[in-house]
Amino acid sequence: MVEAVMRSYYSAYNAVDAEALQALLSPDVELVSALGTQAGRDAYLATYGFMTGNFVDQMEPQDIQVSGNVAKVRIRNALTARNDIPDFMGQAISKGQQIVLDLVGTYTVSDGQISRIEISQG
């Protein structure tokens, strides 16, 4: 079940389907990333809106390992700037510029929804 939730998550994320993502996230989901910590589904969706508003943001899971209710995922994240961004993680990004990140996501799934996401450089 955990792997199926993760595959649904990445499918919704890449399709820019905030409604489908919302259904996969617990109301009190916590997201920890380079952008800081966001608590709650609304905060997550605001961060998601920022990312997809500024970038064509495609996350491709390279490997999903499940242990109990935790999935550890190696991710290739390709970000292409939709416009000039003066400061993204300490650097200026030009429209059309692509950044490719190798990330590791650790996801906790409770009752069929993601309750915690921790994203780090891989």
C-alpha atoms as a PDB file:
ATOM      1  CA  MET A   1       0.000   0.000   0.000  1.00  0.00           C
ATOM      2  CA  VAL A   2       2.801   2.466   0.850  1.00  0.00           C
ATOM      3  CA  GLU A   3       4.432   2.067  -2.566  1.00  0.00           C
ATOM      4  CA  ALA A   4       1.063   2.590  -4.287  1.00  0.00           C
ATOM      5  CA  VAL A   5       0.554   5.826  -2.300  1.00  0.00           C
ATOM      6  CA  MET A   6       3.999   7.002  -3.360  1.00  0.00           C
ATOM      7  CA  ARG A   7       3.399   6.239  -7.045  1.00  0.00           C
ATOM      8  CA  SER A   8       0.070   8.096  -6.860  1.00  0.00           C
ATOM      9  CA  TYR A   9       1.823  11.020  -5.140  1.00  0.00           C
ATOM     10  CA  TYR A  10       4.460  11.417  -7.869  1.00  0.00           C
ATOM     11  CA  SER A  11       1.850  11.009 -10.596  1.00  0.00           C
ATOM     12  CA  ALA A  12      -0.298  13.781  -9.083  1.00  0.00           C
ATOM     13  CA  TYR A  13       2.741  15.984  -8.381  1.00  0.00           C
ATOM     14  CA  ASN A  14       4.007  15.789 -11.956  1.00  0.00           C
ATOM     15  CA  ALA A  15       0.517  16.306 -13.401  1.00  0.00           C
ATOM     16  CA  VAL A  16       0.204  19.516 -11.330  1.00  0.00           C
ATOM     17  CA  ASP A  17      -2.955  18.075  -9.783  1.00  0.00           C
ATOM     18  CA  ALA A  18      -3.235  19.840  -6.413  1.00  0.00           C
ATOM     19  CA  GLU A  19      -6.636  18.241  -5.746  1.00  0.00           C
ATOM     20  CA  ALA A  20      -5.232  14.711  -6.112  1.00  0.00           C
ATOM     21  CA  LEU A  21      -2.227  15.676  -3.948  1.00  0.00           C
ATOM     22  CA  GLN A  22      -4.518  17.062  -1.269  1.00  0.00           C
ATOM     23  CA  ALA A  23      -6.297  13.698  -1.047  1.00  0.00           C
ATOM     24  CA  LEU A  24      -2.945  11.940  -0.511  1.00  0.00           C
ATOM     25  CA  LEU A  25      -1.795  14.248   2.320  1.00  0.00           C
ATOM     26  CA  SER A  26      -2.924  14.084   5.922  1.00  0.00           C
ATOM     27  CA  PRO A  27      -4.338  17.399   7.224  1.00  0.00           C
ATOM     28  CA  ASP A  28      -1.342  17.778   9.565  1.00  0.00           C
ATOM     29  CA  VAL A  29       1.365  16.694   7.094  1.00  0.00           C
ATOM     30  CA  GLU A  30       4.811  18.058   7.846  1.00  0.00           C
ATOM     31  CA  LEU A  31       7.227  18.919   5.017  1.00  0.00           C
ATOM     32  CA  VAL A  32      10.904  19.417   5.824  1.00  0.00           C
ATOM     33  CA  SER A  33      13.075  20.634   2.915  1.00  0.00           C
ATOM     34  CA  ALA A  34      15.740  23.172   1.957  1.00  0.00           C
ATOM     35  CA  LEU A  35      12.946  25.771   1.961  1.00  0.00           C
ATOM     36  CA  GLY A  36      12.332  25.116   5.667  1.00  0.00           C
ATOM     37  CA  THR A  37       9.585  23.296   7.541  1.00  0.00           C
ATOM     38  CA  GLN A  38       5.929  23.607   6.636  1.00  0.00           C
ATOM     39  CA  ALA A  39       3.255  22.196   8.914  1.00  0.00           C
ATOM     40  CA  GLY A  40      -0.160  21.279   7.594  1.00  0.00           C
ATOM     41  CA  ARG A  41      -1.686  20.480   4.220  1.00  0.00           C
ATOM     42  CA  ASP A  42      -2.367  24.141   3.364  1.00  0.00           C
ATOM     43  CA  ALA A  43       1.299  25.043   3.964  1.00  0.00           C
ATOM     44  CA  TYR A  44       2.414  22.114   1.809  1.00  0.00           C
ATOM     45  CA  LEU A  45       0.070  23.115  -0.996  1.00  0.00           C
ATOM     46  CA  ALA A  46       1.321  26.732  -0.790  1.00  0.00           C
ATOM     47  CA  THR A  47       4.913  25.501  -1.228  1.00  0.00           C
ATOM     48  CA  TYR A  48       3.787  23.233  -4.064  1.00  0.00           C
ATOM     49  CA  GLY A  49       2.031  26.194  -5.690  1.00  0.00           C
ATOM     50  CA  PHE A  50       5.205  28.267  -5.400  1.00  0.00           C
ATOM     51  CA  MET A  51       7.297  25.532  -7.004  1.00  0.00           C
ATOM     52  CA  THR A  52       4.912  24.721  -9.855  1.00  0.00           C
ATOM     53  CA  GLY A  53       4.176  28.410 -10.430  1.00  0.00           C
ATOM     54  CA  ASN A  54       7.859  29.223 -10.860  1.00  0.00           C
ATOM     55  CA  PHE A  55       9.127  25.975 -12.397  1.00  0.00           C
ATOM     56  CA  VAL A  56       8.142  23.106 -14.612  1.00  0.00           C
ATOM     57  CA  ASP A  57       8.826  20.722 -11.731  1.00  0.00           C
ATOM     58  CA  GLN A  58       9.166  17.032 -12.558  1.00  0.00           C
ATOM     59  CA  MET A  59      10.100  14.547  -9.857  1.00  0.00           C
ATOM     60  CA  GLU A  60      11.026  11.100 -11.108  1.00  0.00           C
ATOM     61  CA  PRO A  61      11.385   8.376  -8.481  1.00  0.00           C
ATOM     62  CA  GLN A  62      14.482   6.321  -9.265  1.00  0.00           C
ATOM     63  CA  ASP A  63      14.038   3.792  -6.477  1.00  0.00           C
ATOM     64  CA  ILE A  64      11.381   3.265  -3.804  1.00  0.00           C
ATOM     65  CA  GLN A  65      12.291   1.247  -0.716  1.00  0.00           C
ATOM     66  CA  VAL A  66       9.517   0.530   1.791  1.00  0.00           C
ATOM     67  CA  SER A  67       9.970  -0.500   5.409  1.00  0.00           C
ATOM     68  CA  GLY A  68       6.746  -0.668   7.394  1.00  0.00           C
ATOM     69  CA  ASN A  69       4.927   2.629   6.850  1.00  0.00           C
ATOM     70  CA  VAL A  70       8.033   4.533   5.672  1.00  0.00           C
ATOM     71  CA  ALA A  71       9.178   4.896   2.062  1.00  0.00           C
ATOM     72  CA  LYS A  72      12.664   6.076   1.200  1.00  0.00           C
ATOM     73  CA  VAL A  73      12.791   7.339  -2.382  1.00  0.00           C
ATOM     74  CA  ARG A  74      15.724   8.366  -4.546  1.00  0.00           C
ATOM     75  CA  ILE A  75      14.426  11.186  -6.744  1.00  0.00           C
ATOM     76  CA  ARG A  76      15.668  12.940  -9.868  1.00  0.00           C
ATOM     77  CA  ASN A  77      14.080  16.394  -9.724  1.00  0.00           C
ATOM     78  CA  ALA A  78      14.250  18.469 -12.925  1.00  0.00           C
ATOM     79  CA  LEU A  79      13.263  22.114 -12.450  1.00  0.00           C
ATOM     80  CA  THR A  80      12.944  24.436 -15.451  1.00  0.00           C
ATOM     81  CA  ALA A  81      12.348  28.092 -14.590  1.00  0.00           C
ATOM     82  CA  ARG A  82       9.128  29.549 -15.991  1.00  0.00           C
ATOM     83  CA  ASN A  83      10.516  33.086 -15.465  1.00  0.00           C
ATOM     84  CA  ASP A  84      13.524  34.861 -13.971  1.00  0.00           C
ATOM     85  CA  ILE A  85      13.826  34.087 -10.263  1.00  0.00           C
ATOM     86  CA  PRO A  86      16.146  36.488  -8.424  1.00  0.00           C
ATOM     87  CA  ASP A  87      16.751  34.171  -5.446  1.00  0.00           C
ATOM     88  CA  PHE A  88      16.072  30.455  -5.316  1.00  0.00           C
ATOM     89  CA  MET A  89      18.073  28.684  -2.634  1.00  0.00           C
ATOM     90  CA  GLY A  90      20.714  31.418  -2.769  1.00  0.00           C
ATOM     91  CA  GLN A  91      21.096  31.706  -6.532  1.00  0.00           C
ATOM     92  CA  ALA A  92      19.546  33.651  -9.384  1.00  0.00           C
ATOM     93  CA  ILE A  93      17.772  31.505 -11.975  1.00  0.00           C
ATOM     94  CA  SER A  94      17.063  32.704 -15.540  1.00  0.00           C
ATOM     95  CA  LYS A  95      13.881  31.876 -17.425  1.00  0.00           C
ATOM     96  CA  GLY A  96      14.353  28.550 -19.204  1.00  0.00           C
ATOM     97  CA  GLN A  97      17.311  27.527 -17.048  1.00  0.00           C
ATOM     98  CA  GLN A  98      17.129  23.959 -15.812  1.00  0.00           C
ATOM     99  CA  ILE A  99      18.377  22.660 -12.498  1.00  0.00           C
ATOM    100  CA  VAL A 100      18.578  18.913 -11.911  1.00  0.00           C
ATOM    101  CA  LEU A 101      18.723  17.757  -8.316  1.00  0.00           C
ATOM    102  CA  ASP A 102      19.373  14.294  -6.943  1.00  0.00           C
ATOM    103  CA  LEU A 103      17.264  14.069  -3.822  1.00  0.00           C
ATOM    104  CA  VAL A 104      16.245  11.574  -1.172  1.00  0.00           C
ATOM    105  CA  GLY A 105      12.708  11.691   0.156  1.00  0.00           C
ATOM    106  CA  THR A 106      11.625   9.947   3.319  1.00  0.00           C
ATOM    107  CA  TYR A 107       7.847   9.657   3.524  1.00  0.00           C
ATOM    108  CA  THR A 108       5.734   8.389   6.394  1.00  0.00           C
ATOM    109  CA  VAL A 109       2.323   7.029   5.410  1.00  0.00           C
ATOM    110  CA  SER A 110      -0.458   6.736   7.998  1.00  0.00           C
ATOM    111  CA  ASP A 111      -3.983   5.544   7.221  1.00  0.00           C
ATOM    112  CA  GLY A 112      -3.328   5.760   3.472  1.00  0.00           C
ATOM    113  CA  GLN A 113      -2.109   9.373   3.571  1.00  0.00           C
ATOM    114  CA  ILE A 114       1.339  10.936   3.750  1.00  0.00           C
ATOM    115  CA  SER A 115       1.877  12.409   7.216  1.00  0.00           C
ATOM    116  CA  ARG A 116       5.550  13.450   6.978  1.00  0.00           C
ATOM    117  CA  ILE A 117       7.909  14.281   4.110  1.00  0.00           C
ATOM    118  CA  GLU A 118      11.602  14.947   4.545  1.00  0.00           C
ATOM    119  CA  ILE A 119      13.532  15.926   1.417  1.00  0.00           C
ATOM    120  CA  SER A 120      17.340  16.166   1.391  1.00  0.00           C
ATOM    121  CA  GLN A 121      20.142  16.295  -1.175  1.00  0.00           C
ATOM    122  CA  GLY A 122      20.996  12.807  -2.354  1.00  0.00           C
END
